[in-house]
Amino acid sequence: MYEYSEQLLNEKIEIARELVKKKAIKSGIAAALPVPLLDLGTDVKYMTEIEDEINEVFGVTKEEIENNADSIKTRIMIMFSSGVGDVVSKFSTKAILKVISKKNNKPSLAVSKIVTHSVNGAVSYFLMKKLGDNHIDFVVQQLKK
């Protein structure tokens, strides 16, 4: 494995976190769009890209840091995040629409769809960011061994 100074390692962590943030934003936007299965496909694509780009930032290969349990866990988390996103979205949307309906008699279908898609996007963003940050932490942990 590679030896990095603490300062260089922190710089690489910062670069990797910025990459994760950009991909998470794209994932959130894809989840907010009302296209069936776009969210799951995008999550899988971006998570694979994120892992490869993070490895590149730290100058490691999958073989050097790959832990099959971690890789499988990541794939399961992607699938889980899409399902969780839907559940959280449904409950959050109902709560938000109740608040809106107290102000107006009945929110329109357009408002409910906007709220639903916005919540889907936010959930997807935070879950993708969490998965990316977890991979950064995993790589850093492997480098420090």
Protein backbone atom coordinates (compact mmCIF):
# COMPACT_ATOMS: atom_id res chain seq x y z
CA MET A 1 0.00 0.00 0.00
CA TYR A 2 0.93 3.62 -0.36
CA GLU A 3 2.33 5.87 2.34
CA TYR A 4 0.74 9.33 2.36
CA SER A 5 1.52 12.23 4.64
CA GLU A 6 -1.42 13.30 6.79
CA GLN A 7 -1.73 16.54 4.79
CA LEU A 8 -1.74 14.78 1.41
CA LEU A 9 -4.21 12.19 2.67
CA ASN A 10 -6.54 14.95 3.88
CA GLU A 11 -6.30 16.69 0.48
CA LYS A 12 -7.19 13.44 -1.28
CA ILE A 13 -10.10 12.88 1.10
CA GLU A 14 -11.39 16.38 0.32
CA ILE A 15 -11.13 15.78 -3.45
CA ALA A 16 -12.92 12.43 -3.12
CA ARG A 17 -15.72 13.93 -0.99
CA GLU A 18 -16.26 16.63 -3.62
CA LEU A 19 -16.56 13.91 -6.30
CA VAL A 20 -19.10 12.07 -4.16
CA LYS A 21 -21.10 15.25 -3.65
CA LYS A 22 -21.31 15.91 -7.41
CA LYS A 23 -22.42 12.35 -8.17
CA ALA A 24 -24.94 12.43 -5.31
CA ILE A 25 -26.46 15.60 -6.76
CA LYS A 26 -26.82 13.90 -10.15
CA SER A 27 -28.35 10.86 -8.46
CA GLY A 28 -30.82 13.08 -6.61
CA ILE A 29 -31.83 14.79 -9.83
CA ALA A 30 -32.34 11.43 -11.55
CA ALA A 31 -34.49 10.24 -8.64
CA ALA A 32 -36.62 13.38 -8.82
CA LEU A 33 -37.45 12.75 -12.48
CA PRO A 34 -40.64 10.74 -12.99
CA VAL A 35 -39.04 8.04 -15.16
CA PRO A 36 -39.58 4.42 -14.00
CA LEU A 37 -36.39 2.54 -13.03
CA LEU A 38 -34.18 5.55 -13.83
CA ASP A 39 -33.35 5.97 -10.13
CA LEU A 40 -32.09 2.41 -9.60
CA GLY A 41 -30.13 2.29 -12.85
CA THR A 42 -28.56 5.66 -12.15
CA ASP A 43 -27.68 4.69 -8.58
CA VAL A 44 -25.88 1.54 -9.72
CA LYS A 45 -24.04 3.42 -12.48
CA TYR A 46 -22.99 6.33 -10.27
CA MET A 47 -21.94 4.13 -7.35
CA THR A 48 -19.69 2.10 -9.63
CA GLU A 49 -18.24 5.31 -11.06
CA ILE A 50 -17.81 6.80 -7.59
CA GLU A 51 -15.89 3.75 -6.36
CA ASP A 52 -13.60 3.80 -9.39
CA GLU A 53 -12.99 7.55 -9.17
CA ILE A 54 -12.31 7.40 -5.42
CA ASN A 55 -9.83 4.59 -5.99
CA GLU A 56 -8.19 6.69 -8.70
CA VAL A 57 -7.93 9.73 -6.39
CA PHE A 58 -6.11 7.63 -3.81
CA GLY A 59 -4.02 5.86 -6.45
CA VAL A 60 -5.21 2.37 -5.57
CA THR A 61 -6.77 -0.39 -7.62
CA LYS A 62 -9.78 -2.50 -6.75
CA GLU A 63 -7.51 -5.49 -6.30
CA GLU A 64 -5.38 -3.66 -3.73
CA ILE A 65 -8.27 -2.64 -1.51
CA GLU A 66 -11.10 -4.83 -2.68
CA ASN A 67 -12.90 -6.63 0.05
CA ASN A 68 -15.64 -8.76 -1.48
CA ALA A 69 -17.79 -8.36 1.60
CA ASP A 70 -17.54 -4.56 1.26
CA SER A 71 -18.33 -4.67 -2.46
CA ILE A 72 -21.35 -6.93 -1.95
CA LYS A 73 -22.50 -4.77 0.95
CA THR A 74 -22.30 -1.71 -1.29
CA ARG A 75 -24.43 -3.35 -3.99
CA ILE A 76 -27.01 -4.42 -1.42
CA MET A 77 -27.07 -0.91 0.02
CA ILE A 78 -27.76 0.55 -3.45
CA MET A 79 -30.75 -1.75 -3.89
CA PHE A 80 -31.85 -1.06 -0.31
CA SER A 81 -31.49 2.70 -0.76
CA SER A 82 -33.88 2.70 -3.69
CA GLY A 83 -36.47 0.79 -1.67
CA VAL A 84 -35.94 2.92 1.42
CA GLY A 85 -36.20 6.02 -0.72
CA ASP A 86 -39.63 4.95 -1.89
CA VAL A 87 -40.85 4.19 1.65
CA VAL A 88 -39.44 7.40 3.14
CA SER A 89 -40.86 9.33 0.22
CA LYS A 90 -44.35 7.93 0.75
CA PHE A 91 -44.42 8.73 4.47
CA SER A 92 -42.75 12.12 4.08
CA THR A 93 -45.02 13.07 1.21
CA LYS A 94 -48.12 12.24 3.25
CA ALA A 95 -46.86 14.36 6.15
CA ILE A 96 -45.93 17.28 3.91
CA LEU A 97 -49.25 17.11 2.06
CA LYS A 98 -51.14 17.16 5.38
CA VAL A 99 -49.36 20.38 6.30
CA ILE A 100 -50.11 21.85 2.88
CA SER A 101 -53.75 20.73 3.04
CA LYS A 102 -54.22 22.56 6.35
CA LYS A 103 -53.29 25.78 4.58
CA ASN A 104 -55.29 25.00 1.43
CA ASN A 105 -58.40 22.88 1.35
CA LYS A 106 -56.93 20.20 -0.85
CA PRO A 107 -53.56 20.20 -2.59
CA SER A 108 -53.68 19.61 -6.31
CA LEU A 109 -52.32 16.51 -7.96
CA ALA A 110 -49.49 18.60 -9.42
CA VAL A 111 -48.43 19.75 -5.96
CA SER A 112 -48.46 16.20 -4.61
CA LYS A 113 -46.35 14.98 -7.55
CA ILE A 114 -43.85 17.81 -7.07
CA VAL A 115 -43.57 17.00 -3.36
CA THR A 116 -43.17 13.27 -4.07
CA HIS A 117 -40.43 13.77 -6.66
CA SER A 118 -38.64 16.33 -4.51
CA VAL A 119 -38.57 13.96 -1.55
CA ASN A 120 -37.35 11.12 -3.79
CA GLY A 121 -34.52 13.33 -5.02
CA ALA A 122 -33.49 14.40 -1.52
CA VAL A 123 -33.50 10.85 -0.18
CA SER A 124 -31.48 9.58 -3.15
CA TYR A 125 -28.94 12.40 -2.72
CA PHE A 126 -28.34 11.68 0.96
CA LEU A 127 -28.15 7.90 0.54
CA MET A 128 -25.74 8.14 -2.42
CA LYS A 129 -23.59 10.61 -0.49
CA LYS A 130 -23.54 8.26 2.49
CA LEU A 131 -22.50 5.28 0.33
CA GLY A 132 -19.74 7.32 -1.32
CA ASP A 133 -18.45 8.66 1.99
CA ASN A 134 -18.44 5.12 3.39
CA HIS A 135 -16.26 3.99 0.48
CA ILE A 136 -13.85 6.88 1.10
CA ASP A 137 -13.61 5.87 4.76
CA PHE A 138 -13.05 2.24 3.74
CA VAL A 139 -10.22 3.16 1.34
CA VAL A 140 -8.57 5.44 3.92
CA GLN A 141 -8.82 2.67 6.52
CA GLN A 142 -7.15 0.24 4.10
CA LEU A 143 -4.39 2.76 3.34
CA LYS A 144 -3.66 3.28 7.03
CA LYS A 145 -3.19 -0.45 7.66
